[in-house]
Amino acid sequence: MKKTSKEILPAIKDLKEGNQLRKFGVYHDSVQITNTNEWDGTKAWKSTRRWQRKSWIFAGAYSAEIYVGFAIVDAGFLGKAFCYVYFPQSGQILEHGTDRPFAFSSDFNADLNSHWKLGRYEIYSQGDEMYFKFTGKKFSLNMQCRNNDNGLSFLCPSSGGKRPFHFTYKNLLLPTKINLTANGQNKEYRDLYAGLDFSKGYPPKHTNWNWTSFTGILEDGTPVGINVVDQFNKNMENVIWIDKERILIGDVNYSYSKPAEKSEWRVRSENGNLELTMIPKGNRKEHINLKLLKSKFIQVFGTIEGRINHNGVWKNLTGYGVMEEHEAIW
C-alpha cells in the first residue's frame, strides 16, 4: 500500500505521476485533471466506469436564516440529484430529488469545473465562481459561491475488488449568495459561507460514514470551517479551517443514538483538540433500495457548538452545519 502523508503536500495537476498513481496524501488546492480513463475499463455498461466509479459535487450553505444542500451524483449506472432548503426559525423544509438510470454518458469524465447537468439541476463554473441551479415547480434556487485556492485534495486508498483509490476535494468558508423563489416570492440571502465537496473514484462497494460540515466563528470572531469524517477515506479528510489556516486533525469519534434526528450528536478528535456538540433542529433522510444500489442516510441540521485547542489555547466556537450517517452499497 502506498504511504499516506500527514502533512499538506504541494499542489498537483493530475492524479498520475508518469505511469503511476501519485502517492496517497493531502495536497494543496484542487486537482485540475482527474481523468480516470486508465481505471475505467471499456466504459461499456458492465465496465468499471459503470459499476465502480462514483463522482459527485455537493455544496452546502448554513446560517441562522437558511440551510441549503445541493448535489449532483454520477453513480455509474445511476444519476442522482437533490436539493433542499431548510428554514430553522420555522422548521419548514423544501426539497426535491430525482434519479435516472445511466443519466451520464460513458465518456463523462467529470472534473470539479465540468458542466454537470441532470434534468432541472445544473452545476457549472465561470472563473472562480461556481453556480448551482435548480428550477422546480414549488421552488427554484440559484446559489453562487466563490471558490479559492485554500481547498485541499485528498488521494485516499480504497478497498475491495481491486478498487485503486478514492479522491475528494474539500473547501469551506467560501463566500456565497443565494437567490430563492418559493410561494410566489423571491428572496436573496447574502454574506453566507458555503462548503464544497467534489469526490471521484472507486469507493468500497459497501461504504459507511459519519460526516460533519460546519461554518461558524471562534469566540474572537475569526471564521472557522470544519470538515470531518469517520469510517471513510481512511479518515484523511479531517480538516479545520481557521480563516486561511488549515489544520489536519486526524481521527474523530462520533457519539449519538437512534433515532438520530432526536439525539444529541457529539464529535471528539482522538488527539483531544476538537469537541463539537449538536442537538438537531431538522433533518433530511432518504432510503433507496434498487437491489443493485442501496443507500440509507440521514443528515441532521442545527447549531453546532464546541471548542478547539489552537496553538495550545482553547477557543470556543459556534455556528451552523450538518452531521450525517450514511450507508451505501453501490
Protein backbone atom coordinates (compact mmCIF):
# COMPACT_ATOMS: atom_id res chain seq x y z
CA MET A 1 0.00 0.00 0.00
CA LYS A 2 1.21 3.49 -0.83
CA LYS A 3 2.29 5.65 2.09
CA THR A 4 -0.11 8.28 3.35
CA SER A 5 1.18 11.75 4.18
CA LYS A 6 0.20 13.51 7.41
CA GLU A 7 1.20 16.89 6.01
CA ILE A 8 -0.10 19.15 3.27
CA LEU A 9 1.84 18.45 0.07
CA PRO A 10 2.31 20.90 -2.84
CA ALA A 11 -0.43 21.16 -5.46
CA ILE A 12 -0.64 18.61 -8.27
CA LYS A 13 -2.19 18.99 -11.74
CA ASP A 14 -3.42 15.41 -12.15
CA LEU A 15 -3.73 12.11 -10.31
CA LYS A 16 -0.79 10.41 -12.01
CA GLU A 17 2.94 10.92 -11.95
CA GLY A 18 4.30 9.35 -15.11
CA ASN A 19 2.55 6.00 -15.39
CA GLN A 20 1.86 5.66 -11.68
CA LEU A 21 -0.87 6.86 -9.37
CA ARG A 22 0.56 9.55 -7.13
CA LYS A 23 1.17 8.66 -3.51
CA PHE A 24 -1.78 8.79 -1.19
CA GLY A 25 -1.87 12.04 0.73
CA VAL A 26 -3.24 15.54 1.25
CA TYR A 27 -2.46 18.08 -1.46
CA HIS A 28 -2.82 21.85 -1.59
CA ASP A 29 -5.64 23.29 -3.74
CA SER A 30 -7.77 21.43 -6.28
CA VAL A 31 -6.57 18.91 -8.86
CA GLN A 32 -7.46 20.31 -12.27
CA ILE A 33 -7.40 16.99 -14.17
CA THR A 34 -8.99 13.97 -12.52
CA ASN A 35 -9.10 11.78 -15.63
CA THR A 36 -9.75 8.13 -14.75
CA ASN A 37 -9.68 6.54 -18.22
CA GLU A 38 -6.88 4.19 -17.19
CA TRP A 39 -9.04 2.58 -14.49
CA ASP A 40 -12.45 2.74 -16.19
CA GLY A 41 -12.17 -0.26 -18.49
CA THR A 42 -14.11 -0.33 -21.75
CA LYS A 43 -16.76 2.04 -20.37
CA ALA A 44 -19.46 -0.34 -21.59
CA TRP A 45 -22.40 -0.97 -19.30
CA LYS A 46 -20.60 -3.82 -17.48
CA SER A 47 -17.36 -1.84 -17.10
CA THR A 48 -15.58 -0.42 -14.06
CA ARG A 49 -16.77 3.00 -15.20
CA ARG A 50 -20.37 1.93 -14.72
CA TRP A 51 -20.13 -0.37 -11.69
CA GLN A 52 -17.34 1.00 -9.52
CA ARG A 53 -16.59 4.64 -10.34
CA LYS A 54 -18.62 7.24 -8.45
CA SER A 55 -18.40 11.01 -8.63
CA TRP A 56 -20.37 13.85 -7.13
CA ILE A 57 -20.42 17.51 -6.23
CA PHE A 58 -22.14 18.68 -3.06
CA ALA A 59 -22.41 22.27 -1.85
CA GLY A 60 -23.90 23.29 1.47
CA ALA A 61 -24.52 26.73 2.96
CA TYR A 62 -25.74 27.18 6.54
CA SER A 63 -26.81 30.18 8.61
CA ALA A 64 -29.32 31.27 11.25
CA GLU A 65 -31.82 32.02 8.46
CA ILE A 66 -31.36 29.26 5.92
CA TYR A 67 -29.70 25.90 5.28
CA VAL A 68 -29.18 24.76 1.69
CA GLY A 69 -27.85 21.47 0.35
CA PHE A 70 -27.35 20.80 -3.37
CA ALA A 71 -25.83 17.75 -5.07
CA ILE A 72 -25.46 16.02 -8.41
CA VAL A 73 -24.17 12.44 -8.34
CA ASP A 74 -22.87 10.19 -11.11
CA ALA A 75 -23.01 6.72 -9.54
CA GLY A 76 -22.08 4.99 -12.80
CA PHE A 77 -25.31 3.19 -13.64
CA LEU A 78 -27.45 5.80 -11.88
CA GLY A 79 -27.57 9.58 -11.95
CA LYS A 80 -28.97 11.35 -8.92
CA ALA A 81 -29.59 14.94 -7.88
CA PHE A 82 -31.21 16.59 -4.90
CA CYS A 83 -31.74 20.00 -3.41
CA TYR A 84 -33.20 21.09 -0.08
CA VAL A 85 -33.83 24.38 1.68
CA TYR A 86 -34.43 24.40 5.43
CA PHE A 87 -35.62 27.39 7.45
CA PRO A 88 -34.51 26.89 11.09
CA GLN A 89 -36.75 29.59 12.52
CA SER A 90 -39.97 27.98 11.24
CA GLY A 91 -38.83 24.39 10.77
CA GLN A 92 -40.09 24.39 7.17
CA ILE A 93 -38.18 22.37 4.60
CA LEU A 94 -38.41 22.47 0.80
CA GLU A 95 -36.85 19.56 -1.03
CA HIS A 96 -36.69 17.82 -4.39
CA GLY A 97 -34.81 14.86 -5.78
CA THR A 98 -34.52 12.87 -8.98
CA ASP A 99 -32.96 9.57 -10.07
CA ARG A 100 -32.24 8.50 -13.65
CA PRO A 101 -30.58 5.26 -14.81
CA PHE A 102 -27.42 5.85 -16.88
CA ALA A 103 -28.04 9.58 -16.76
CA PHE A 104 -24.45 10.43 -17.63
CA SER A 105 -22.68 9.26 -20.77
CA SER A 106 -19.90 6.71 -20.55
CA ASP A 107 -17.33 9.37 -21.52
CA PHE A 108 -18.44 11.85 -18.82
CA ASN A 109 -15.06 12.07 -17.06
CA ALA A 110 -16.03 14.80 -14.66
CA ASP A 111 -13.74 17.35 -13.05
CA LEU A 112 -14.64 19.96 -10.46
CA ASN A 113 -15.14 22.56 -13.18
CA SER A 114 -17.05 20.35 -15.63
CA HIS A 115 -20.59 21.19 -16.67
CA TRP A 116 -22.83 18.89 -14.61
CA LYS A 117 -26.46 18.71 -15.74
CA LEU A 118 -29.24 16.34 -14.72
CA GLY A 119 -32.80 17.31 -15.54
CA ARG A 120 -33.62 20.54 -13.72
CA TYR A 121 -30.26 20.57 -11.93
CA GLU A 122 -27.09 22.24 -13.15
CA ILE A 123 -23.60 22.98 -11.83
CA TYR A 124 -21.04 24.98 -13.77
CA SER A 125 -18.14 27.40 -13.27
CA GLN A 126 -17.14 30.76 -14.66
CA GLY A 127 -13.65 31.54 -13.46
CA ASP A 128 -13.63 31.23 -9.66
CA GLU A 129 -17.41 31.49 -9.44
CA MET A 130 -19.43 28.26 -9.15
CA TYR A 131 -23.16 28.16 -9.86
CA PHE A 132 -25.69 25.65 -8.52
CA LYS A 133 -29.11 25.95 -10.14
CA PHE A 134 -32.38 24.12 -9.66
CA THR A 135 -35.67 25.11 -11.31
CA GLY A 136 -38.74 23.40 -9.89
CA LYS A 137 -42.47 23.85 -9.66
CA LYS A 138 -42.58 24.52 -5.91
CA PHE A 139 -39.29 26.37 -5.60
CA SER A 140 -36.24 27.43 -7.59
CA LEU A 141 -32.74 28.02 -6.31
CA ASN A 142 -29.68 29.79 -7.64
CA MET A 143 -26.62 29.51 -5.39
CA GLN A 144 -23.34 31.18 -6.29
CA CYS A 145 -20.12 30.63 -4.38
CA ARG A 146 -16.59 31.81 -4.98
CA ASN A 147 -14.03 29.03 -4.84
CA ASN A 148 -10.41 29.81 -3.97
CA ASP A 149 -7.01 28.14 -3.62
CA ASN A 150 -7.46 27.39 0.08
CA GLY A 151 -9.05 23.99 -0.52
CA LEU A 152 -7.41 20.61 -0.08
CA SER A 153 -7.33 17.49 -2.26
CA PHE A 154 -7.19 14.04 -0.72
CA LEU A 155 -5.98 11.00 -2.64
CA CYS A 156 -7.09 8.10 -0.47
CA PRO A 157 -6.75 4.31 -0.62
CA SER A 158 -9.87 2.26 -1.25
CA SER A 159 -10.59 -1.42 -0.67
CA GLY A 160 -12.23 -4.45 -2.25
CA GLY A 161 -12.34 -5.68 -5.83
CA LYS A 162 -9.05 -4.03 -6.87
CA ARG A 163 -10.51 -0.58 -6.35
CA PRO A 164 -7.46 1.66 -6.77
CA PHE A 165 -8.32 4.89 -4.92
CA HIS A 166 -10.92 7.43 -3.94
CA PHE A 167 -10.30 11.14 -4.48
CA THR A 168 -12.03 14.06 -2.79
CA TYR A 169 -11.61 17.83 -2.71
CA LYS A 170 -12.93 19.90 0.17
CA ASN A 171 -13.09 23.65 0.73
CA LEU A 172 -15.01 25.72 3.27
CA LEU A 173 -15.63 29.36 4.15
CA LEU A 174 -16.50 30.14 0.52
CA PRO A 175 -18.33 33.49 0.11
CA THR A 176 -21.84 32.65 -1.06
CA LYS A 177 -25.12 34.23 -2.04
CA ILE A 178 -28.44 32.52 -2.67
CA ASN A 179 -31.48 33.54 -4.67
CA LEU A 180 -34.60 31.58 -3.74
CA THR A 181 -38.03 31.69 -5.36
CA ALA A 182 -40.82 29.99 -3.38
CA ASN A 183 -44.50 30.64 -2.72
CA GLY A 184 -44.53 33.31 -5.40
CA GLN A 185 -41.85 35.33 -3.64
CA ASN A 186 -38.21 35.92 -4.44
CA LYS A 187 -35.63 36.43 -1.70
CA GLU A 188 -31.87 36.91 -1.75
CA TYR A 189 -29.52 35.77 1.01
CA ARG A 190 -26.07 37.33 1.15
CA ASP A 191 -22.96 37.17 3.34
CA LEU A 192 -23.15 33.40 3.67
CA TYR A 193 -20.37 30.82 3.80
CA ALA A 194 -20.55 27.51 1.95
CA GLY A 195 -18.69 24.23 1.98
CA LEU A 196 -17.78 22.36 -1.20
CA ASP A 197 -17.22 18.64 -1.77
CA PHE A 198 -16.08 17.18 -5.11
CA SER A 199 -15.46 13.43 -4.98
CA LYS A 200 -14.48 10.92 -7.64
CA GLY A 201 -13.07 7.44 -7.54
CA TYR A 202 -13.78 3.87 -6.57
CA PRO A 203 -15.12 3.69 -3.01
CA PRO A 204 -15.67 0.30 -1.34
CA LYS A 205 -18.79 -1.48 -2.57
CA HIS A 206 -20.14 -1.37 0.99
CA THR A 207 -19.44 2.11 2.31
CA ASN A 208 -20.28 3.66 5.68
CA TRP A 209 -19.51 7.07 7.07
CA ASN A 210 -20.33 9.75 9.60
CA TRP A 211 -19.63 13.25 8.36
CA THR A 212 -19.77 16.85 9.56
CA SER A 213 -19.70 20.09 7.58
CA PHE A 214 -19.65 23.29 9.65
CA THR A 215 -19.15 27.02 9.18
CA GLY A 216 -19.04 29.48 12.06
CA ILE A 217 -16.80 31.70 14.15
CA LEU A 218 -14.44 31.47 17.07
CA GLU A 219 -15.15 33.50 20.19
CA ASP A 220 -12.98 36.33 18.83
CA GLY A 221 -14.96 36.46 15.56
CA THR A 222 -12.44 34.60 13.39
CA PRO A 223 -14.20 32.50 10.69
CA VAL A 224 -13.88 28.75 11.18
CA GLY A 225 -14.88 25.85 8.92
CA ILE A 226 -14.76 22.15 9.77
CA ASN A 227 -14.92 19.02 7.62
CA VAL A 228 -14.54 15.73 9.47
CA VAL A 229 -15.47 12.14 8.62
CA ASP A 230 -15.23 8.76 10.30
CA GLN A 231 -15.12 5.31 8.62
CA PHE A 232 -14.33 6.66 5.13
CA ASN A 233 -11.26 7.69 3.13
CA LYS A 234 -9.06 6.37 5.96
CA ASN A 235 -10.20 9.45 7.92
CA MET A 236 -7.68 11.51 5.94
CA GLU A 237 -10.00 14.40 5.12
CA ASN A 238 -10.40 15.75 8.66
CA VAL A 239 -9.54 19.43 8.47
CA ILE A 240 -10.24 22.67 10.33
CA TRP A 241 -10.05 25.99 8.50
CA ILE A 242 -9.33 28.92 10.82
CA ASP A 243 -9.60 31.82 8.41
CA LYS A 244 -6.95 30.79 5.84
CA GLU A 245 -5.05 28.42 8.13
CA ARG A 246 -5.70 24.71 7.56
CA ILE A 247 -5.15 22.17 10.32
CA LEU A 248 -5.18 18.38 9.81
CA ILE A 249 -6.60 16.85 12.98
CA GLY A 250 -6.54 13.08 12.44
CA ASP A 251 -9.24 10.63 13.53
CA VAL A 252 -12.52 11.65 15.14
CA ASN A 253 -15.18 9.70 17.03
CA TYR A 254 -18.96 10.19 16.81
CA SER A 255 -21.42 9.59 19.61
CA TYR A 256 -25.22 9.62 19.13
CA SER A 257 -28.18 7.28 19.49
CA LYS A 258 -31.19 6.25 17.42
CA PRO A 259 -33.32 7.87 16.18
CA ALA A 260 -30.53 10.11 15.00
CA GLU A 261 -32.77 13.13 14.46
CA LYS A 262 -33.75 13.17 18.13
CA SER A 263 -30.32 12.50 19.61
CA GLU A 264 -27.59 14.86 20.72
CA TRP A 265 -24.57 14.39 18.44
CA ARG A 266 -21.04 14.64 19.80
CA VAL A 267 -17.79 14.64 17.86
CA ARG A 268 -14.38 14.35 19.50
CA SER A 269 -10.96 14.19 17.87
CA GLU A 270 -8.70 11.43 19.11
CA ASN A 271 -5.88 13.93 19.63
CA GLY A 272 -8.14 15.79 22.05
CA ASN A 273 -8.02 19.11 20.20
CA LEU A 274 -11.61 19.32 18.92
CA GLU A 275 -15.00 18.93 20.62
CA LEU A 276 -18.35 19.51 18.89
CA THR A 277 -21.95 19.15 20.05
CA MET A 278 -25.22 19.49 18.12
CA ILE A 279 -28.87 19.00 19.02
CA PRO A 280 -30.71 18.59 15.68
CA LYS A 281 -33.41 21.08 14.76
CA GLY A 282 -34.26 19.46 11.43
CA ASN A 283 -33.25 16.61 9.17
CA ARG A 284 -33.38 15.16 5.69
CA LYS A 285 -33.41 11.40 5.23
CA GLU A 286 -33.63 9.02 2.30
CA HIS A 287 -33.71 5.26 1.87
CA ILE A 288 -33.11 3.81 -1.62
CA ASN A 289 -33.21 0.09 -2.31
CA LEU A 290 -32.80 -0.73 -6.01
CA LYS A 291 -31.11 -4.11 -5.31
CA LEU A 292 -28.13 -3.05 -7.42
CA LEU A 293 -27.81 0.08 -5.32
CA LYS A 294 -28.79 0.70 -1.72
CA SER A 295 -28.40 3.99 0.08
CA LYS A 296 -29.64 4.89 3.53
CA PHE A 297 -28.76 8.19 5.07
CA ILE A 298 -29.91 10.87 7.42
CA GLN A 299 -28.49 14.38 7.50
CA VAL A 300 -29.38 16.39 10.59
CA PHE A 301 -29.24 20.20 10.77
CA GLY A 302 -28.64 22.51 13.65
CA THR A 303 -26.49 24.89 15.61
CA ILE A 304 -23.10 23.38 16.41
CA GLU A 305 -21.09 24.49 19.41
CA GLY A 306 -17.76 23.36 20.76
CA ARG A 307 -14.16 24.28 21.23
CA ILE A 308 -10.77 23.82 19.61
CA ASN A 309 -7.28 23.76 21.05
CA HIS A 310 -5.48 26.17 18.73
CA ASN A 311 -1.76 26.64 19.32
CA GLY A 312 -2.15 25.48 22.91
CA VAL A 313 -5.10 27.77 23.67
CA TRP A 314 -8.69 26.53 23.98
CA LYS A 315 -11.12 28.65 21.96
CA ASN A 316 -14.90 28.34 21.90
CA LEU A 317 -16.71 28.15 18.57
CA THR A 318 -20.29 28.36 17.41
CA GLY A 319 -22.01 28.14 14.05
CA TYR A 320 -24.24 26.07 11.81
CA GLY A 321 -23.91 22.86 9.89
CA VAL A 322 -24.93 19.30 9.20
CA MET A 323 -23.99 15.92 10.55
CA GLU A 324 -24.67 12.74 8.62
CA GLU A 325 -24.98 8.99 8.89
CA HIS A 326 -24.70 7.19 5.54
CA GLU A 327 -24.58 3.57 4.45
CA ALA A 328 -24.32 2.68 0.76
CA ILE A 329 -24.00 -0.50 -1.26
CA TRP A 330 -23.03 0.58 -4.75
